[in-house]
């Protein structure tokens, strides 16, 4: 995607996410997420969040951290992605 369009469109996320004039509908995502949530944290992901912070924002039921992989981890390591998805869905 970046090869075709260049990196500029990806900057929109940062402009919108950190703009204090965000719309009220976007601010609803700041509320606690009570739905069971799974996280696979890859070392080269752009945004890192410590587990204890994530637990304050969401009902974390599954958490794994990896030394490899990045922002497009499901393409880089599809076997690990599927394994984590299955583990989360099948958890008691």
PDB file of N, CA and C in Angstrom:
ATOM      1  N   UNK A   1       0.822  -1.173   0.000  1.00  0.00           N
ATOM      2  CA  UNK A   1       0.000   0.000   0.000  1.00  0.00           C
ATOM      3  C   UNK A   1       0.876   1.250   0.000  1.00  0.00           C
ATOM      4  N   UNK A   2       1.926   1.282   0.800  1.00  0.00           N
ATOM      5  CA  UNK A   2       2.785   2.463   0.850  1.00  0.00           C
ATOM      6  C   UNK A   2       3.575   2.642  -0.440  1.00  0.00           C
ATOM      7  N   UNK A   3       3.888   1.554  -1.110  1.00  0.00           N
ATOM      8  CA  UNK A   3       4.640   1.653  -2.354  1.00  0.00           C
ATOM      9  C   UNK A   3       3.818   2.378  -3.407  1.00  0.00           C
ATOM     10  N   UNK A   4       2.520   2.111  -3.473  1.00  0.00           N
ATOM     11  CA  UNK A   4       1.658   2.724  -4.483  1.00  0.00           C
ATOM     12  C   UNK A   4       1.349   4.174  -4.135  1.00  0.00           C
ATOM     13  N   UNK A   5       0.995   4.429  -2.889  1.00  0.00           N
ATOM     14  CA  UNK A   5       0.524   5.760  -2.498  1.00  0.00           C
ATOM     15  C   UNK A   5       1.573   6.610  -1.795  1.00  0.00           C
ATOM     16  N   UNK A   6       2.666   6.009  -1.406  1.00  0.00           N
ATOM     17  CA  UNK A   6       3.638   6.731  -0.603  1.00  0.00           C
ATOM     18  C   UNK A   6       3.212   6.717   0.861  1.00  0.00           C
ATOM     19  N   UNK A   7       4.028   7.256   1.715  1.00  0.00           N
ATOM     20  CA  UNK A   7       3.765   7.201   3.158  1.00  0.00           C
ATOM     21  C   UNK A   7       2.805   8.280   3.643  1.00  0.00           C
ATOM     22  N   UNK A   8       2.549   9.297   2.833  1.00  0.00           N
ATOM     23  CA  UNK A   8       1.740  10.427   3.274  1.00  0.00           C
ATOM     24  C   UNK A   8       0.355  10.040   3.783  1.00  0.00           C
ATOM     25  N   UNK A   9      -0.420   9.172   3.104  1.00  0.00           N
ATOM     26  CA  UNK A   9      -1.746   8.828   3.637  1.00  0.00           C
ATOM     27  C   UNK A   9      -1.695   8.212   5.032  1.00  0.00           C
ATOM     28  N   UNK A  10      -0.622   7.539   5.380  1.00  0.00           N
ATOM     29  CA  UNK A  10      -0.512   6.925   6.702  1.00  0.00           C
ATOM     30  C   UNK A  10      -0.396   7.977   7.806  1.00  0.00           C
ATOM     31  N   UNK A  11       0.011   9.180   7.468  1.00  0.00           N
ATOM     32  CA  UNK A  11       0.141  10.237   8.465  1.00  0.00           C
ATOM     33  C   UNK A  11      -1.213  10.731   8.958  1.00  0.00           C
ATOM     34  N   UNK A  12      -2.274  10.461   8.216  1.00  0.00           N
ATOM     35  CA  UNK A  12      -3.609  10.919   8.602  1.00  0.00           C
ATOM     36  C   UNK A  12      -3.988  10.391   9.987  1.00  0.00           C
ATOM     37  N   UNK A  13      -3.620   9.140  10.276  1.00  0.00           N
ATOM     38  CA  UNK A  13      -3.921   8.556  11.587  1.00  0.00           C
ATOM     39  C   UNK A  13      -3.405   9.445  12.710  1.00  0.00           C
ATOM     40  N   UNK A  14      -2.163   9.877  12.610  1.00  0.00           N
ATOM     41  CA  UNK A  14      -1.555  10.665  13.674  1.00  0.00           C
ATOM     42  C   UNK A  14      -2.211  12.041  13.788  1.00  0.00           C
ATOM     43  N   UNK A  15      -2.523  12.631  12.664  1.00  0.00           N
ATOM     44  CA  UNK A  15      -3.182  13.932  12.663  1.00  0.00           C
ATOM     45  C   UNK A  15      -4.542  13.844  13.350  1.00  0.00           C
ATOM     46  N   UNK A  16      -5.324  12.823  13.009  1.00  0.00           N
ATOM     47  CA  UNK A  16      -6.661  12.691  13.574  1.00  0.00           C
ATOM     48  C   UNK A  16      -6.637  12.185  15.011  1.00  0.00           C
ATOM     49  N   UNK A  17      -5.752  11.267  15.321  1.00  0.00           N
ATOM     50  CA  UNK A  17      -5.732  10.662  16.653  1.00  0.00           C
ATOM     51  C   UNK A  17      -5.289  11.636  17.740  1.00  0.00           C
ATOM     52  N   UNK A  18      -4.388  12.548  17.399  1.00  0.00           N
ATOM     53  CA  UNK A  18      -3.842  13.435  18.411  1.00  0.00           C
ATOM     54  C   UNK A  18      -4.340  14.870  18.280  1.00  0.00           C
ATOM     55  N   UNK A  19      -5.359  15.087  17.474  1.00  0.00           N
ATOM     56  CA  UNK A  19      -5.941  16.405  17.296  1.00  0.00           C
ATOM     57  C   UNK A  19      -6.942  16.654  18.422  1.00  0.00           C
ATOM     58  N   UNK A  20      -6.770  17.711  19.204  1.00  0.00           N
ATOM     59  CA  UNK A  20      -7.699  17.956  20.314  1.00  0.00           C
ATOM     60  C   UNK A  20      -9.121  18.265  19.853  1.00  0.00           C
ATOM     61  N   UNK A  21      -9.310  18.575  18.581  1.00  0.00           N
ATOM     62  CA  UNK A  21     -10.635  18.904  18.059  1.00  0.00           C
ATOM     63  C   UNK A  21     -11.369  17.675  17.520  1.00  0.00           C
ATOM     64  N   UNK A  22     -11.003  16.482  18.000  1.00  0.00           N
ATOM     65  CA  UNK A  22     -11.681  15.267  17.532  1.00  0.00           C
ATOM     66  C   UNK A  22     -13.171  15.356  17.810  1.00  0.00           C
ATOM     67  N   UNK A  23     -13.945  14.684  16.978  1.00  0.00           N
ATOM     68  CA  UNK A  23     -15.395  14.710  17.166  1.00  0.00           C
ATOM     69  C   UNK A  23     -15.778  13.893  18.394  1.00  0.00           C
ATOM     70  N   UNK A  24     -16.951  14.167  18.935  1.00  0.00           N
ATOM     71  CA  UNK A  24     -17.428  13.448  20.118  1.00  0.00           C
ATOM     72  C   UNK A  24     -17.573  11.958  19.849  1.00  0.00           C
ATOM     73  N   UNK A  25     -17.956  11.588  18.626  1.00  0.00           N
ATOM     74  CA  UNK A  25     -18.122  10.165  18.320  1.00  0.00           C
ATOM     75  C   UNK A  25     -16.794   9.422  18.422  1.00  0.00           C
ATOM     76  N   UNK A  26     -15.697  10.069  18.083  1.00  0.00           N
ATOM     77  CA  UNK A  26     -14.389   9.430  18.198  1.00  0.00           C
ATOM     78  C   UNK A  26     -13.962   9.305  19.653  1.00  0.00           C
ATOM     79  N   UNK A  27     -14.403  10.214  20.496  1.00  0.00           N
ATOM     80  CA  UNK A  27     -14.029  10.179  21.903  1.00  0.00           C
ATOM     81  C   UNK A  27     -14.702   9.031  22.645  1.00  0.00           C
ATOM     82  N   UNK A  28     -15.738   8.434  22.072  1.00  0.00           N
ATOM     83  CA  UNK A  28     -16.394   7.316  22.746  1.00  0.00           C
ATOM     84  C   UNK A  28     -15.450   6.140  22.888  1.00  0.00           C
ATOM     85  N   UNK A  29     -14.421   6.071  22.081  1.00  0.00           N
ATOM     86  CA  UNK A  29     -13.460   4.984  22.172  1.00  0.00           C
ATOM     87  C   UNK A  29     -12.549   5.127  23.389  1.00  0.00           C
ATOM     88  N   UNK A  30     -12.674   6.218  24.105  1.00  0.00           N
ATOM     89  CA  UNK A  30     -11.879   6.412  25.302  1.00  0.00           C
ATOM     90  C   UNK A  30     -12.494   5.709  26.507  1.00  0.00           C
ATOM     91  N   UNK A  31     -13.708   5.188  26.369  1.00  0.00           N
ATOM     92  CA  UNK A  31     -14.379   4.493  27.462  1.00  0.00           C
ATOM     93  C   UNK A  31     -13.832   3.075  27.607  1.00  0.00           C
ATOM     94  N   UNK A  32     -14.012   2.497  28.790  1.00  0.00           N
ATOM     95  CA  UNK A  32     -13.561   1.132  29.059  1.00  0.00           C
ATOM     96  C   UNK A  32     -14.281   0.155  28.137  1.00  0.00           C
ATOM     97  N   UNK A  33     -13.543  -0.793  27.579  1.00  0.00           N
ATOM     98  CA  UNK A  33     -14.101  -1.823  26.696  1.00  0.00           C
ATOM     99  C   UNK A  33     -14.327  -3.071  27.543  1.00  0.00           C
ATOM    100  N   UNK A  34     -15.590  -3.411  27.794  1.00  0.00           N
ATOM    101  CA  UNK A  34     -15.901  -4.549  28.664  1.00  0.00           C
ATOM    102  C   UNK A  34     -15.929  -5.878  27.922  1.00  0.00           C
ATOM    103  N   UNK A  35     -15.942  -5.843  26.614  1.00  0.00           N
ATOM    104  CA  UNK A  35     -15.940  -7.065  25.811  1.00  0.00           C
ATOM    105  C   UNK A  35     -14.603  -7.781  26.005  1.00  0.00           C
ATOM    106  N   UNK A  36     -14.603  -9.111  26.187  1.00  0.00           N
ATOM    107  CA  UNK A  36     -13.331  -9.828  26.306  1.00  0.00           C
ATOM    108  C   UNK A  36     -12.407  -9.496  25.131  1.00  0.00           C
ATOM    109  N   UNK A  37     -11.170  -9.142  25.453  1.00  0.00           N
ATOM    110  CA  UNK A  37     -10.231  -8.630  24.459  1.00  0.00           C
ATOM    111  C   UNK A  37      -8.931  -9.425  24.493  1.00  0.00           C
ATOM    112  N   UNK A  38      -8.384  -9.697  23.314  1.00  0.00           N
ATOM    113  CA  UNK A  38      -7.103 -10.378  23.199  1.00  0.00           C
ATOM    114  C   UNK A  38      -6.078  -9.475  22.541  1.00  0.00           C
ATOM    115  N   UNK A  39      -4.843  -9.557  23.011  1.00  0.00           N
ATOM    116  CA  UNK A  39      -3.769  -8.716  22.482  1.00  0.00           C
ATOM    117  C   UNK A  39      -2.549  -9.577  22.186  1.00  0.00           C
ATOM    118  N   UNK A  40      -2.020  -9.425  20.993  1.00  0.00           N
ATOM    119  CA  UNK A  40      -0.721  -9.988  20.626  1.00  0.00           C
ATOM    120  C   UNK A  40       0.184  -8.795  20.352  1.00  0.00           C
ATOM    121  N   UNK A  41       1.175  -8.598  21.202  1.00  0.00           N
ATOM    122  CA  UNK A  41       2.041  -7.429  21.113  1.00  0.00           C
ATOM    123  C   UNK A  41       3.358  -7.832  20.451  1.00  0.00           C
ATOM    124  N   UNK A  42       3.611  -7.253  19.289  1.00  0.00           N
ATOM    125  CA  UNK A  42       4.815  -7.561  18.521  1.00  0.00           C
ATOM    126  C   UNK A  42       5.855  -6.467  18.733  1.00  0.00           C
ATOM    127  N   UNK A  43       7.116  -6.859  18.783  1.00  0.00           N
ATOM    128  CA  UNK A  43       8.209  -5.951  19.137  1.00  0.00           C
ATOM    129  C   UNK A  43       8.291  -4.722  18.239  1.00  0.00           C
ATOM    130  N   UNK A  44       8.015  -4.878  16.964  1.00  0.00           N
ATOM    131  CA  UNK A  44       8.173  -3.750  16.045  1.00  0.00           C
ATOM    132  C   UNK A  44       6.844  -3.084  15.705  1.00  0.00           C
ATOM    133  N   UNK A  45       5.829  -3.325  16.524  1.00  0.00           N
ATOM    134  CA  UNK A  45       4.552  -2.627  16.356  1.00  0.00           C
ATOM    135  C   UNK A  45       4.779  -1.147  16.638  1.00  0.00           C
ATOM    136  N   UNK A  46       4.024  -0.295  15.981  1.00  0.00           N
ATOM    137  CA  UNK A  46       4.231   1.142  16.124  1.00  0.00           C
ATOM    138  C   UNK A  46       3.801   1.661  17.491  1.00  0.00           C
ATOM    139  N   UNK A  47       2.724   1.136  18.005  1.00  0.00           N
ATOM    140  CA  UNK A  47       2.202   1.600  19.286  1.00  0.00           C
ATOM    141  C   UNK A  47       2.318   0.485  20.321  1.00  0.00           C
ATOM    142  N   UNK A  48       3.043   0.753  21.381  1.00  0.00           N
ATOM    143  CA  UNK A  48       3.181  -0.226  22.459  1.00  0.00           C
ATOM    144  C   UNK A  48       2.437   0.274  23.683  1.00  0.00           C
ATOM    145  N   UNK A  49       1.826  -0.667  24.362  1.00  0.00           N
ATOM    146  CA  UNK A  49       1.088  -0.342  25.570  1.00  0.00           C
ATOM    147  C   UNK A  49       1.422  -1.393  26.618  1.00  0.00           C
ATOM    148  N   UNK A  50       1.875  -0.992  27.790  1.00  0.00           N
ATOM    149  CA  UNK A  50       2.116  -1.980  28.837  1.00  0.00           C
ATOM    150  C   UNK A  50       0.810  -2.685  29.214  1.00  0.00           C
ATOM    151  N   UNK A  51       0.918  -3.936  29.608  1.00  0.00           N
ATOM    152  CA  UNK A  51      -0.275  -4.730  29.914  1.00  0.00           C
ATOM    153  C   UNK A  51      -1.117  -4.079  31.011  1.00  0.00           C
ATOM    154  N   UNK A  52      -0.495  -3.561  32.044  1.00  0.00           N
ATOM    155  CA  UNK A  52      -1.283  -2.966  33.123  1.00  0.00           C
ATOM    156  C   UNK A  52      -2.063  -1.736  32.653  1.00  0.00           C
ATOM    157  N   UNK A  53      -1.538  -1.003  31.693  1.00  0.00           N
ATOM    158  CA  UNK A  53      -2.289   0.114  31.121  1.00  0.00           C
ATOM    159  C   UNK A  53      -3.460  -0.405  30.301  1.00  0.00           C
ATOM    160  N   UNK A  54      -3.198  -1.421  29.486  1.00  0.00           N
ATOM    161  CA  UNK A  54      -4.256  -1.992  28.648  1.00  0.00           C
ATOM    162  C   UNK A  54      -5.393  -2.527  29.505  1.00  0.00           C
ATOM    163  N   UNK A  55      -5.064  -3.117  30.645  1.00  0.00           N
ATOM    164  CA  UNK A  55      -6.095  -3.667  31.518  1.00  0.00           C
ATOM    165  C   UNK A  55      -6.967  -2.576  32.131  1.00  0.00           C
ATOM    166  N   UNK A  56      -6.470  -1.364  32.185  1.00  0.00           N
ATOM    167  CA  UNK A  56      -7.285  -0.248  32.663  1.00  0.00           C
ATOM    168  C   UNK A  56      -8.264   0.223  31.594  1.00  0.00           C
ATOM    169  N   UNK A  57      -7.972  -0.099  30.333  1.00  0.00           N
ATOM    170  CA  UNK A  57      -8.800   0.360  29.218  1.00  0.00           C
ATOM    171  C   UNK A  57      -9.726  -0.708  28.670  1.00  0.00           C
ATOM    172  N   UNK A  58      -9.381  -1.988  28.892  1.00  0.00           N
ATOM    173  CA  UNK A  58     -10.164  -3.067  28.283  1.00  0.00           C
ATOM    174  C   UNK A  58     -10.121  -4.321  29.147  1.00  0.00           C
ATOM    175  N   UNK A  59     -11.075  -5.195  28.897  1.00  0.00           N
ATOM    176  CA  UNK A  59     -11.199  -6.471  29.592  1.00  0.00           C
ATOM    177  C   UNK A  59     -10.240  -7.474  28.940  1.00  0.00           C
ATOM    178  N   UNK A  60      -8.963  -7.380  29.264  1.00  0.00           N
ATOM    179  CA  UNK A  60      -7.933  -8.211  28.638  1.00  0.00           C
ATOM    180  C   UNK A  60      -8.038  -9.646  29.157  1.00  0.00           C
ATOM    181  N   UNK A  61      -8.322 -10.571  28.249  1.00  0.00           N
ATOM    182  CA  UNK A  61      -8.429 -11.984  28.591  1.00  0.00           C
ATOM    183  C   UNK A  61      -7.299 -12.812  27.988  1.00  0.00           C
ATOM    184  N   UNK A  62      -6.581 -12.222  27.048  1.00  0.00           N
ATOM    185  CA  UNK A  62      -5.489 -12.922  26.374  1.00  0.00           C
ATOM    186  C   UNK A  62      -4.400 -11.909  26.078  1.00  0.00           C
ATOM    187  N   UNK A  63      -3.149 -12.267  26.381  1.00  0.00           N
ATOM    188  CA  UNK A  63      -2.027 -11.344  26.142  1.00  0.00           C
ATOM    189  C   UNK A  63      -0.779 -12.162  25.847  1.00  0.00           C
ATOM    190  N   UNK A  64      -0.148 -11.886  24.726  1.00  0.00           N
ATOM    191  CA  UNK A  64       1.143 -12.494  24.399  1.00  0.00           C
ATOM    192  C   UNK A  64       2.042 -11.428  23.801  1.00  0.00           C
ATOM    193  N   UNK A  65       3.320 -11.523  24.126  1.00  0.00           N
ATOM    194  CA  UNK A  65       4.308 -10.598  23.580  1.00  0.00           C
ATOM    195  C   UNK A  65       5.329 -11.382  22.771  1.00  0.00           C
ATOM    196  N   UNK A  66       5.779 -10.768  21.667  1.00  0.00           N
ATOM    197  CA  UNK A  66       6.719 -11.417  20.761  1.00  0.00           C
ATOM    198  C   UNK A  66       7.905 -10.508  20.490  1.00  0.00           C
ATOM    199  N   UNK A  67       9.072 -11.123  20.302  1.00  0.00           N
ATOM    200  CA  UNK A  67      10.288 -10.373  19.985  1.00  0.00           C
ATOM    201  C   UNK A  67      10.397 -10.077  18.495  1.00  0.00           C
ATOM    202  N   UNK A  68       9.612 -10.757  17.669  1.00  0.00           N
ATOM    203  CA  UNK A  68       9.631 -10.551  16.216  1.00  0.00           C
ATOM    204  C   UNK A  68       8.245 -10.132  15.753  1.00  0.00           C
ATOM    205  N   UNK A  69       8.220  -9.546  14.564  1.00  0.00           N
ATOM    206  CA  UNK A  69       6.945  -9.128  13.989  1.00  0.00           C
ATOM    207  C   UNK A  69       6.719  -7.653  14.213  1.00  0.00           C
ATOM    208  N   UNK A  70       5.827  -7.104  13.407  1.00  0.00           N
ATOM    209  CA  UNK A  70       5.583  -5.676  13.499  1.00  0.00           C
ATOM    210  C   UNK A  70       4.160  -5.312  13.169  1.00  0.00           C
ATOM    211  N   UNK A  71       4.000  -4.160  12.558  1.00  0.00           N
ATOM    212  CA  UNK A  71       2.688  -3.582  12.300  1.00  0.00           C
ATOM    213  C   UNK A  71       1.815  -4.469  11.413  1.00  0.00           C
ATOM    214  N   UNK A  72       2.416  -5.189  10.500  1.00  0.00           N
ATOM    215  CA  UNK A  72       1.664  -6.081   9.614  1.00  0.00           C
ATOM    216  C   UNK A  72       1.921  -7.533  10.014  1.00  0.00           C
ATOM    217  N   UNK A  73       1.808  -7.808  11.281  1.00  0.00           N
ATOM    218  CA  UNK A  73       2.179  -9.116  11.834  1.00  0.00           C
ATOM    219  C   UNK A  73       1.372 -10.270  11.263  1.00  0.00           C
ATOM    220  N   UNK A  74       0.116 -10.057  10.927  1.00  0.00           N
ATOM    221  CA  UNK A  74      -0.679 -11.160  10.378  1.00  0.00           C
ATOM    222  C   UNK A  74      -0.171 -11.588   9.006  1.00  0.00           C
ATOM    223  N   UNK A  75       0.524 -10.698   8.310  1.00  0.00           N
ATOM    224  CA  UNK A  75       1.154 -11.063   7.034  1.00  0.00           C
ATOM    225  C   UNK A  75       2.569 -11.604   7.256  1.00  0.00           C
ATOM    226  N   UNK A  76       3.260 -11.038   8.242  1.00  0.00           N
ATOM    227  CA  UNK A  76       4.637 -11.436   8.516  1.00  0.00           C
ATOM    228  C   UNK A  76       4.715 -12.803   9.194  1.00  0.00           C
ATOM    229  N   UNK A  77       3.790 -13.062  10.112  1.00  0.00           N
ATOM    230  CA  UNK A  77       3.803 -14.304  10.893  1.00  0.00           C
ATOM    231  C   UNK A  77       2.387 -14.873  10.986  1.00  0.00           C
ATOM    232  N   UNK A  78       1.808 -15.278   9.862  1.00  0.00           N
ATOM    233  CA  UNK A  78       0.413 -15.740   9.879  1.00  0.00           C
ATOM    234  C   UNK A  78       0.180 -16.943  10.783  1.00  0.00           C
ATOM    235  N   UNK A  79       1.164 -17.820  10.910  1.00  0.00           N
ATOM    236  CA  UNK A  79       1.008 -18.994  11.778  1.00  0.00           C
ATOM    237  C   UNK A  79       0.825 -18.575  13.236  1.00  0.00           C
ATOM    238  N   UNK A  80       1.591 -17.599  13.681  1.00  0.00           N
ATOM    239  CA  UNK A  80       1.491 -17.108  15.055  1.00  0.00           C
ATOM    240  C   UNK A  80       0.174 -16.368  15.254  1.00  0.00           C
ATOM    241  N   UNK A  81      -0.216 -15.579  14.271  1.00  0.00           N
ATOM    242  CA  UNK A  81      -1.473 -14.847  14.346  1.00  0.00           C
ATOM    243  C   UNK A  81      -2.648 -15.809  14.525  1.00  0.00           C
ATOM    244  N   UNK A  82      -2.694 -16.850  13.705  1.00  0.00           N
ATOM    245  CA  UNK A  82      -3.782 -17.833  13.779  1.00  0.00           C
ATOM    246  C   UNK A  82      -3.735 -18.588  15.107  1.00  0.00           C
ATOM    247  N   UNK A  83      -2.547 -18.948  15.551  1.00  0.00           N
ATOM    248  CA  UNK A  83      -2.402 -19.651  16.834  1.00  0.00           C
ATOM    249  C   UNK A  83      -2.956 -18.808  17.985  1.00  0.00           C
ATOM    250  N   UNK A  84      -2.618 -17.517  17.997  1.00  0.00           N
ATOM    251  CA  UNK A  84      -3.117 -16.629  19.047  1.00  0.00           C
ATOM    252  C   UNK A  84      -4.627 -16.445  18.953  1.00  0.00           C
ATOM    253  N   UNK A  85      -5.131 -16.297  17.757  1.00  0.00           N
ATOM    254  CA  UNK A  85      -6.569 -16.137  17.573  1.00  0.00           C
ATOM    255  C   UNK A  85      -7.319 -17.360  18.092  1.00  0.00           C
ATOM    256  N   UNK A  86      -6.832 -18.528  17.759  1.00  0.00           N
ATOM    257  CA  UNK A  86      -7.458 -19.771  18.239  1.00  0.00           C
ATOM    258  C   UNK A  86      -7.369 -19.877  19.765  1.00  0.00           C
ATOM    259  N   UNK A  87      -6.221 -19.544  20.321  1.00  0.00           N
ATOM    260  CA  UNK A  87      -6.053 -19.617  21.774  1.00  0.00           C
ATOM    261  C   UNK A  87      -7.011 -18.663  22.484  1.00  0.00           C
ATOM    262  N   UNK A  88      -7.185 -17.477  21.936  1.00  0.00           N
ATOM    263  CA  UNK A  88      -8.095 -16.498  22.537  1.00  0.00           C
ATOM    264  C   UNK A  88      -9.542 -16.970  22.450  1.00  0.00           C
ATOM    265  N   UNK A  89      -9.959 -17.415  21.282  1.00  0.00           N
ATOM    266  CA  UNK A  89     -11.351 -17.838  21.078  1.00  0.00           C
ATOM    267  C   UNK A  89     -11.680 -19.085  21.896  1.00  0.00           C
ATOM    268  N   UNK A  90     -10.726 -19.993  22.038  1.00  0.00           N
ATOM    269  CA  UNK A  90     -10.973 -21.253  22.743  1.00  0.00           C
ATOM    270  C   UNK A  90     -10.646 -21.200  24.233  1.00  0.00           C
ATOM    271  N   UNK A  91     -10.240 -20.043  24.725  1.00  0.00           N
ATOM    272  CA  UNK A  91      -9.905 -19.928  26.148  1.00  0.00           C
ATOM    273  C   UNK A  91     -11.154 -20.147  26.997  1.00  0.00           C
ATOM    274  N   UNK A  92     -10.974 -20.740  28.181  1.00  0.00           N
ATOM    275  CA  UNK A  92     -12.141 -21.001  29.052  1.00  0.00           C
ATOM    276  C   UNK A  92     -12.789 -19.727  29.546  1.00  0.00           C
TER     277      UNK A  92
END
